[in-house]
Amino acid sequence: MRSTITSRRPSASFVLAIVALFVALGGTGYAAATLSGRSIQRRSIPANRVIPNALGGNQINESKLGVVPAARESLTAQTAASATTAASATTAESAQSATNAQNAQNAVNAQSAQSSQDSQKLQGRDATSFLANSVRVTATAVTVANGRADTVSVSCNVNEKAIGGGAAMLQTNGDPTEFDAQLNASYPLPGTSGTNNMTGWRAVGRNTTGDGNRLLRVYAVCVPKTA
């Protein structure tokens, strides 16, 4: 019995289609296996073809990256903070300098005040112990009748000493008298034995005018014993 299955030879178009399929498949695999950077045109691959977060330090040259805005603001803030700190330090230093200058000035003023006080002293004595501030003149007078003589003394206080004195014969109204009213003596009163201090002044006068009474006035210049 003769078989009814008839074998048919593939047509030329079918064969070409099969060959083209294998060539296409083989070419894709070849391309995937041999593709390199030299085969890719520059600036031809968009960023959306890269897996997110797939690039790291090994693929990126960080030195060629610019400063991001946030980092730039951080640097500015740091500079501002440094400037503020420097300004605060300068202000604090200025304040300290001002305080030191004030303290130095106060010390100078205190020293000047002390020197001023010391300048008013001599051998530990203040200004009241010296003549310009403590000279005192004391005086007394007696009436000398015509034809008589008298002696008059005036003394300083117990805490004083005499540094000078004098006497005069005067008319009763205080005016100078004529030569007939004589001042016979005028001298200091000595202190106690062993001291050189004068305690006052003494004078002796005689009225020989023949026309009335005269005044014998004596005075002493007194200062503190410490002067």
C-alpha atoms as a PDB file:
ATOM      1  CA  MET A   1       0.000   0.000   0.000  1.00  0.00           C
ATOM      2  CA  ARG A   2       1.511   3.280  -1.028  1.00  0.00           C
ATOM      3  CA  SER A   3       1.888   6.014   1.526  1.00  0.00           C
ATOM      4  CA  THR A   4      -0.209   9.045   1.024  1.00  0.00           C
ATOM      5  CA  ILE A   5       2.137  11.419   2.982  1.00  0.00           C
ATOM      6  CA  THR A   6       3.981  13.455   0.571  1.00  0.00           C
ATOM      7  CA  SER A   7       7.248  15.179   1.676  1.00  0.00           C
ATOM      8  CA  ARG A   8       7.543  18.712   0.577  1.00  0.00           C
ATOM      9  CA  ARG A   9      10.822  20.589   0.163  1.00  0.00           C
ATOM     10  CA  PRO A  10      11.038  23.902   2.104  1.00  0.00           C
ATOM     11  CA  SER A  11      10.638  26.923  -0.009  1.00  0.00           C
ATOM     12  CA  ALA A  12      13.479  29.341  -0.526  1.00  0.00           C
ATOM     13  CA  SER A  13      11.692  32.130   1.386  1.00  0.00           C
ATOM     14  CA  PHE A  14      11.275  29.931   4.425  1.00  0.00           C
ATOM     15  CA  VAL A  15      14.939  29.025   4.443  1.00  0.00           C
ATOM     16  CA  LEU A  16      15.934  32.669   4.214  1.00  0.00           C
ATOM     17  CA  ALA A  17      13.619  33.543   7.073  1.00  0.00           C
ATOM     18  CA  ILE A  18      15.155  30.865   9.295  1.00  0.00           C
ATOM     19  CA  VAL A  19      18.695  32.041   8.442  1.00  0.00           C
ATOM     20  CA  ALA A  20      17.752  35.638   9.141  1.00  0.00           C
ATOM     21  CA  LEU A  21      16.305  34.647  12.543  1.00  0.00           C
ATOM     22  CA  PHE A  22      19.489  32.857  13.583  1.00  0.00           C
ATOM     23  CA  VAL A  23      21.643  35.696  12.370  1.00  0.00           C
ATOM     24  CA  ALA A  24      19.553  38.170  14.342  1.00  0.00           C
ATOM     25  CA  LEU A  25      19.718  36.083  17.524  1.00  0.00           C
ATOM     26  CA  GLY A  26      23.416  35.490  17.145  1.00  0.00           C
ATOM     27  CA  GLY A  27      24.084  39.190  16.462  1.00  0.00           C
ATOM     28  CA  THR A  28      22.260  40.306  19.617  1.00  0.00           C
ATOM     29  CA  GLY A  29      24.247  37.923  21.791  1.00  0.00           C
ATOM     30  CA  TYR A  30      27.442  39.001  20.111  1.00  0.00           C
ATOM     31  CA  ALA A  31      26.609  42.636  20.627  1.00  0.00           C
ATOM     32  CA  ALA A  32      25.806  42.065  24.311  1.00  0.00           C
ATOM     33  CA  ALA A  33      29.061  40.200  24.788  1.00  0.00           C
ATOM     34  CA  THR A  34      31.348  42.592  22.928  1.00  0.00           C
ATOM     35  CA  LEU A  35      29.760  46.065  23.624  1.00  0.00           C
ATOM     36  CA  SER A  36      32.314  48.562  25.111  1.00  0.00           C
ATOM     37  CA  GLY A  37      32.674  52.325  25.753  1.00  0.00           C
ATOM     38  CA  ARG A  38      34.394  52.794  22.414  1.00  0.00           C
ATOM     39  CA  SER A  39      31.314  51.407  20.677  1.00  0.00           C
ATOM     40  CA  ILE A  40      29.026  54.014  22.329  1.00  0.00           C
ATOM     41  CA  GLN A  41      28.798  57.494  20.907  1.00  0.00           C
ATOM     42  CA  ARG A  42      29.549  60.262  23.412  1.00  0.00           C
ATOM     43  CA  ARG A  43      26.578  61.846  25.179  1.00  0.00           C
ATOM     44  CA  SER A  44      24.224  59.311  23.580  1.00  0.00           C
ATOM     45  CA  ILE A  45      22.999  57.392  26.669  1.00  0.00           C
ATOM     46  CA  PRO A  46      20.336  59.202  28.754  1.00  0.00           C
ATOM     47  CA  ALA A  47      20.423  59.108  32.566  1.00  0.00           C
ATOM     48  CA  ASN A  48      17.213  57.128  32.732  1.00  0.00           C
ATOM     49  CA  ARG A  49      19.102  54.132  31.302  1.00  0.00           C
ATOM     50  CA  VAL A  50      21.181  53.892  34.515  1.00  0.00           C
ATOM     51  CA  ILE A  51      19.899  51.941  37.495  1.00  0.00           C
ATOM     52  CA  PRO A  52      19.124  54.406  40.336  1.00  0.00           C
ATOM     53  CA  ASN A  53      21.955  54.715  42.888  1.00  0.00           C
ATOM     54  CA  ALA A  54      24.081  52.359  40.849  1.00  0.00           C
ATOM     55  CA  LEU A  55      26.983  54.789  40.418  1.00  0.00           C
ATOM     56  CA  GLY A  56      29.452  55.193  43.286  1.00  0.00           C
ATOM     57  CA  GLY A  57      32.870  56.575  44.057  1.00  0.00           C
ATOM     58  CA  ASN A  58      34.536  54.106  41.748  1.00  0.00           C
ATOM     59  CA  GLN A  59      32.520  55.416  38.790  1.00  0.00           C
ATOM     60  CA  ILE A  60      32.491  59.151  39.717  1.00  0.00           C
ATOM     61  CA  ASN A  61      35.472  61.491  40.114  1.00  0.00           C
ATOM     62  CA  GLU A  62      34.360  63.480  43.186  1.00  0.00           C
ATOM     63  CA  SER A  63      37.032  66.155  42.644  1.00  0.00           C
ATOM     64  CA  LYS A  64      35.264  67.238  39.472  1.00  0.00           C
ATOM     65  CA  LEU A  65      31.910  67.662  41.202  1.00  0.00           C
ATOM     66  CA  GLY A  66      30.857  71.223  42.048  1.00  0.00           C
ATOM     67  CA  VAL A  67      29.650  72.369  45.470  1.00  0.00           C
ATOM     68  CA  VAL A  68      25.971  71.680  45.933  1.00  0.00           C
ATOM     69  CA  PRO A  69      23.860  74.665  47.093  1.00  0.00           C
ATOM     70  CA  ALA A  70      23.268  73.231  50.555  1.00  0.00           C
ATOM     71  CA  ALA A  71      26.978  72.708  51.075  1.00  0.00           C
ATOM     72  CA  ARG A  72      27.697  76.230  49.830  1.00  0.00           C
ATOM     73  CA  GLU A  73      25.181  77.615  52.316  1.00  0.00           C
ATOM     74  CA  SER A  74      26.796  75.508  55.015  1.00  0.00           C
ATOM     75  CA  LEU A  75      30.191  76.977  54.198  1.00  0.00           C
ATOM     76  CA  THR A  76      28.701  80.464  54.253  1.00  0.00           C
ATOM     77  CA  ALA A  77      27.031  79.755  57.578  1.00  0.00           C
ATOM     78  CA  GLN A  78      30.299  78.413  58.945  1.00  0.00           C
ATOM     79  CA  THR A  79      32.120  81.512  57.746  1.00  0.00           C
ATOM     80  CA  ALA A  80      29.443  83.694  59.285  1.00  0.00           C
ATOM     81  CA  ALA A  81      29.697  81.745  62.520  1.00  0.00           C
ATOM     82  CA  SER A  82      33.455  82.127  62.475  1.00  0.00           C
ATOM     83  CA  ALA A  83      33.074  85.835  61.794  1.00  0.00           C
ATOM     84  CA  THR A  84      30.581  86.138  64.645  1.00  0.00           C
ATOM     85  CA  THR A  85      32.911  84.212  66.933  1.00  0.00           C
ATOM     86  CA  ALA A  86      35.812  86.403  65.874  1.00  0.00           C
ATOM     87  CA  ALA A  87      33.711  89.524  66.419  1.00  0.00           C
ATOM     88  CA  SER A  88      32.681  88.247  69.838  1.00  0.00           C
ATOM     89  CA  ALA A  89      36.283  87.492  70.673  1.00  0.00           C
ATOM     90  CA  THR A  90      37.305  90.954  69.516  1.00  0.00           C
ATOM     91  CA  THR A  91      34.492  92.508  71.513  1.00  0.00           C
ATOM     92  CA  ALA A  92      35.432  90.496  74.578  1.00  0.00           C
ATOM     93  CA  GLU A  93      39.075  91.411  74.140  1.00  0.00           C
ATOM     94  CA  SER A  94      38.146  95.057  73.677  1.00  0.00           C
ATOM     95  CA  ALA A  95      35.962  94.928  76.760  1.00  0.00           C
ATOM     96  CA  GLN A  96      38.778  93.303  78.691  1.00  0.00           C
ATOM     97  CA  SER A  97      41.218  95.897  77.388  1.00  0.00           C
ATOM     98  CA  ALA A  98      38.792  98.641  78.358  1.00  0.00           C
ATOM     99  CA  THR A  99      38.443  97.093  81.816  1.00  0.00           C
ATOM    100  CA  ASN A 100      42.201  96.786  82.154  1.00  0.00           C
ATOM    101  CA  ALA A 101      42.630 100.367  80.976  1.00  0.00           C
ATOM    102  CA  GLN A 102      40.004 101.524  83.467  1.00  0.00           C
ATOM    103  CA  ASN A 103      41.661  99.538  86.236  1.00  0.00           C
ATOM    104  CA  ALA A 104      45.020 100.988  85.257  1.00  0.00           C
ATOM    105  CA  GLN A 105      43.519 104.470  85.223  1.00  0.00           C
ATOM    106  CA  ASN A 106      41.930 103.847  88.610  1.00  0.00           C
ATOM    107  CA  ALA A 107      45.276 102.660  89.913  1.00  0.00           C
ATOM    108  CA  VAL A 108      46.957 105.766  88.501  1.00  0.00           C
ATOM    109  CA  ASN A 109      44.248 107.962  90.003  1.00  0.00           C
ATOM    110  CA  ALA A 110      44.574 106.207  93.345  1.00  0.00           C
ATOM    111  CA  GLN A 111      48.329 106.537  93.193  1.00  0.00           C
ATOM    112  CA  SER A 112      48.021 110.175  92.190  1.00  0.00           C
ATOM    113  CA  ALA A 113      45.574 110.771  95.023  1.00  0.00           C
ATOM    114  CA  GLN A 114      47.930 109.074  97.445  1.00  0.00           C
ATOM    115  CA  SER A 115      50.848 111.059  96.053  1.00  0.00           C
ATOM    116  CA  SER A 116      48.775 114.220  96.374  1.00  0.00           C
ATOM    117  CA  GLN A 117      48.027 113.400  99.987  1.00  0.00           C
ATOM    118  CA  ASP A 118      51.651 112.521 100.615  1.00  0.00           C
ATOM    119  CA  SER A 119      52.766 115.734  98.951  1.00  0.00           C
ATOM    120  CA  GLN A 120      50.810 117.616 101.570  1.00  0.00           C
ATOM    121  CA  LYS A 121      52.831 115.962 104.303  1.00  0.00           C
ATOM    122  CA  LEU A 122      56.405 116.433 105.436  1.00  0.00           C
ATOM    123  CA  GLN A 123      57.980 113.960 107.820  1.00  0.00           C
ATOM    124  CA  GLY A 124      54.537 112.488 108.454  1.00  0.00           C
ATOM    125  CA  ARG A 125      52.915 115.828 109.318  1.00  0.00           C
ATOM    126  CA  ASP A 126      49.918 117.167 107.419  1.00  0.00           C
ATOM    127  CA  ALA A 127      49.431 120.674 106.068  1.00  0.00           C
ATOM    128  CA  THR A 128      47.878 122.002 109.279  1.00  0.00           C
ATOM    129  CA  SER A 129      51.245 121.619 110.975  1.00  0.00           C
ATOM    130  CA  PHE A 130      52.940 124.207 108.787  1.00  0.00           C
ATOM    131  CA  LEU A 131      53.125 127.962 109.007  1.00  0.00           C
ATOM    132  CA  ALA A 132      51.015 128.891 105.999  1.00  0.00           C
ATOM    133  CA  ASN A 133      47.999 127.127 107.494  1.00  0.00           C
ATOM    134  CA  SER A 134      48.496 127.650 111.209  1.00  0.00           C
ATOM    135  CA  VAL A 135      50.097 131.045 111.944  1.00  0.00           C
ATOM    136  CA  ARG A 136      48.282 132.947 114.672  1.00  0.00           C
ATOM    137  CA  VAL A 137      49.047 136.414 116.027  1.00  0.00           C
ATOM    138  CA  THR A 138      48.120 137.188 119.627  1.00  0.00           C
ATOM    139  CA  ALA A 139      48.492 140.615 121.290  1.00  0.00           C
ATOM    140  CA  THR A 140      47.834 142.516 124.480  1.00  0.00           C
ATOM    141  CA  ALA A 141      48.336 146.120 125.685  1.00  0.00           C
ATOM    142  CA  VAL A 142      48.583 148.084 128.938  1.00  0.00           C
ATOM    143  CA  THR A 143      48.153 151.787 129.685  1.00  0.00           C
ATOM    144  CA  VAL A 144      51.328 153.517 130.765  1.00  0.00           C
ATOM    145  CA  ALA A 145      50.742 156.755 132.682  1.00  0.00           C
ATOM    146  CA  ASN A 146      52.833 159.855 132.096  1.00  0.00           C
ATOM    147  CA  GLY A 147      56.215 159.547 133.785  1.00  0.00           C
ATOM    148  CA  ARG A 148      55.895 155.818 134.361  1.00  0.00           C
ATOM    149  CA  ALA A 149      57.320 152.618 132.828  1.00  0.00           C
ATOM    150  CA  ASP A 150      55.741 149.182 132.489  1.00  0.00           C
ATOM    151  CA  THR A 151      56.464 145.665 131.313  1.00  0.00           C
ATOM    152  CA  VAL A 152      54.008 143.643 129.217  1.00  0.00           C
ATOM    153  CA  SER A 153      54.143 139.961 128.188  1.00  0.00           C
ATOM    154  CA  VAL A 154      51.985 137.905 125.801  1.00  0.00           C
ATOM    155  CA  SER A 155      52.096 134.105 125.560  1.00  0.00           C
ATOM    156  CA  CYS A 156      51.088 131.527 122.950  1.00  0.00           C
ATOM    157  CA  ASN A 157      48.861 128.581 123.803  1.00  0.00           C
ATOM    158  CA  VAL A 158      50.403 125.579 125.552  1.00  0.00           C
ATOM    159  CA  ASN A 159      50.431 123.566 122.302  1.00  0.00           C
ATOM    160  CA  GLU A 160      52.066 126.431 120.413  1.00  0.00           C
ATOM    161  CA  LYS A 161      55.419 128.115 120.186  1.00  0.00           C
ATOM    162  CA  ALA A 162      56.368 131.668 119.277  1.00  0.00           C
ATOM    163  CA  ILE A 163      58.376 132.288 116.150  1.00  0.00           C
ATOM    164  CA  GLY A 164      58.417 136.092 116.399  1.00  0.00           C
ATOM    165  CA  GLY A 165      56.913 139.106 118.013  1.00  0.00           C
ATOM    166  CA  GLY A 166      57.210 142.816 118.654  1.00  0.00           C
ATOM    167  CA  ALA A 167      56.030 145.842 120.640  1.00  0.00           C
ATOM    168  CA  ALA A 168      55.125 149.520 120.194  1.00  0.00           C
ATOM    169  CA  MET A 169      54.282 152.636 122.241  1.00  0.00           C
ATOM    170  CA  LEU A 170      51.013 154.079 120.898  1.00  0.00           C
ATOM    171  CA  GLN A 171      48.571 156.848 121.630  1.00  0.00           C
ATOM    172  CA  THR A 172      45.390 155.711 123.341  1.00  0.00           C
ATOM    173  CA  ASN A 173      43.563 155.823 120.001  1.00  0.00           C
ATOM    174  CA  GLY A 174      46.122 153.426 118.485  1.00  0.00           C
ATOM    175  CA  ASP A 175      48.065 155.968 116.461  1.00  0.00           C
ATOM    176  CA  PRO A 176      51.876 156.075 116.723  1.00  0.00           C
ATOM    177  CA  THR A 177      53.222 158.325 119.469  1.00  0.00           C
ATOM    178  CA  GLU A 178      56.126 160.755 119.650  1.00  0.00           C
ATOM    179  CA  PHE A 179      59.664 159.797 120.513  1.00  0.00           C
ATOM    180  CA  ASP A 180      59.299 160.744 124.174  1.00  0.00           C
ATOM    181  CA  ALA A 181      57.333 157.484 124.660  1.00  0.00           C
ATOM    182  CA  GLN A 182      60.228 155.093 124.740  1.00  0.00           C
ATOM    183  CA  LEU A 183      60.259 151.376 123.983  1.00  0.00           C
ATOM    184  CA  ASN A 184      63.099 150.245 126.192  1.00  0.00           C
ATOM    185  CA  ALA A 185      63.124 146.494 125.389  1.00  0.00           C
ATOM    186  CA  SER A 186      61.410 143.925 123.105  1.00  0.00           C
ATOM    187  CA  TYR A 187      62.419 140.226 123.267  1.00  0.00           C
ATOM    188  CA  PRO A 188      61.031 136.655 123.139  1.00  0.00           C
ATOM    189  CA  LEU A 189      60.004 134.707 126.173  1.00  0.00           C
ATOM    190  CA  PRO A 190      62.131 131.568 126.484  1.00  0.00           C
ATOM    191  CA  GLY A 191      60.611 128.117 126.938  1.00  0.00           C
ATOM    192  CA  THR A 192      61.227 125.767 129.784  1.00  0.00           C
ATOM    193  CA  SER A 193      64.779 124.813 130.620  1.00  0.00           C
ATOM    194  CA  GLY A 194      66.302 122.448 128.053  1.00  0.00           C
ATOM    195  CA  THR A 195      64.070 123.510 125.142  1.00  0.00           C
ATOM    196  CA  ASN A 196      64.630 126.006 122.383  1.00  0.00           C
ATOM    197  CA  ASN A 197      60.967 126.908 121.932  1.00  0.00           C
ATOM    198  CA  MET A 198      59.795 130.460 122.570  1.00  0.00           C
ATOM    199  CA  THR A 199      56.525 130.718 124.447  1.00  0.00           C
ATOM    200  CA  GLY A 200      55.692 134.384 123.726  1.00  0.00           C
ATOM    201  CA  TRP A 201      56.997 137.953 123.671  1.00  0.00           C
ATOM    202  CA  ARG A 202      57.801 140.646 126.220  1.00  0.00           C
ATOM    203  CA  ALA A 203      58.379 144.411 126.042  1.00  0.00           C
ATOM    204  CA  VAL A 204      59.295 147.263 128.395  1.00  0.00           C
ATOM    205  CA  GLY A 205      58.191 150.867 127.722  1.00  0.00           C
ATOM    206  CA  ARG A 206      58.347 154.291 129.399  1.00  0.00           C
ATOM    207  CA  ASN A 207      55.990 157.247 128.981  1.00  0.00           C
ATOM    208  CA  THR A 208      57.851 160.558 129.193  1.00  0.00           C
ATOM    209  CA  THR A 209      55.606 162.611 126.952  1.00  0.00           C
ATOM    210  CA  GLY A 210      54.286 164.790 129.753  1.00  0.00           C
ATOM    211  CA  ASP A 211      50.824 165.104 128.172  1.00  0.00           C
ATOM    212  CA  GLY A 212      48.873 161.948 129.110  1.00  0.00           C
ATOM    213  CA  ASN A 213      48.699 158.197 129.005  1.00  0.00           C
ATOM    214  CA  ARG A 214      50.216 155.942 126.356  1.00  0.00           C
ATOM    215  CA  LEU A 215      49.621 152.300 125.340  1.00  0.00           C
ATOM    216  CA  LEU A 216      52.337 149.672 125.447  1.00  0.00           C
ATOM    217  CA  ARG A 217      51.225 146.998 122.984  1.00  0.00           C
ATOM    218  CA  VAL A 218      52.989 143.631 122.648  1.00  0.00           C
ATOM    219  CA  TYR A 219      52.272 140.840 120.152  1.00  0.00           C
ATOM    220  CA  ALA A 220      53.585 137.321 119.435  1.00  0.00           C
ATOM    221  CA  VAL A 221      53.464 135.176 116.287  1.00  0.00           C
ATOM    222  CA  CYS A 222      52.387 131.661 117.316  1.00  0.00           C
ATOM    223  CA  VAL A 223      52.444 128.329 115.473  1.00  0.00           C
ATOM    224  CA  PRO A 224      51.911 124.703 116.576  1.00  0.00           C
ATOM    225  CA  LYS A 225      54.859 123.151 118.394  1.00  0.00           C
ATOM    226  CA  THR A 226      55.051 120.470 115.710  1.00  0.00           C
ATOM    227  CA  ALA A 227      55.631 123.053 112.961  1.00  0.00           C
END
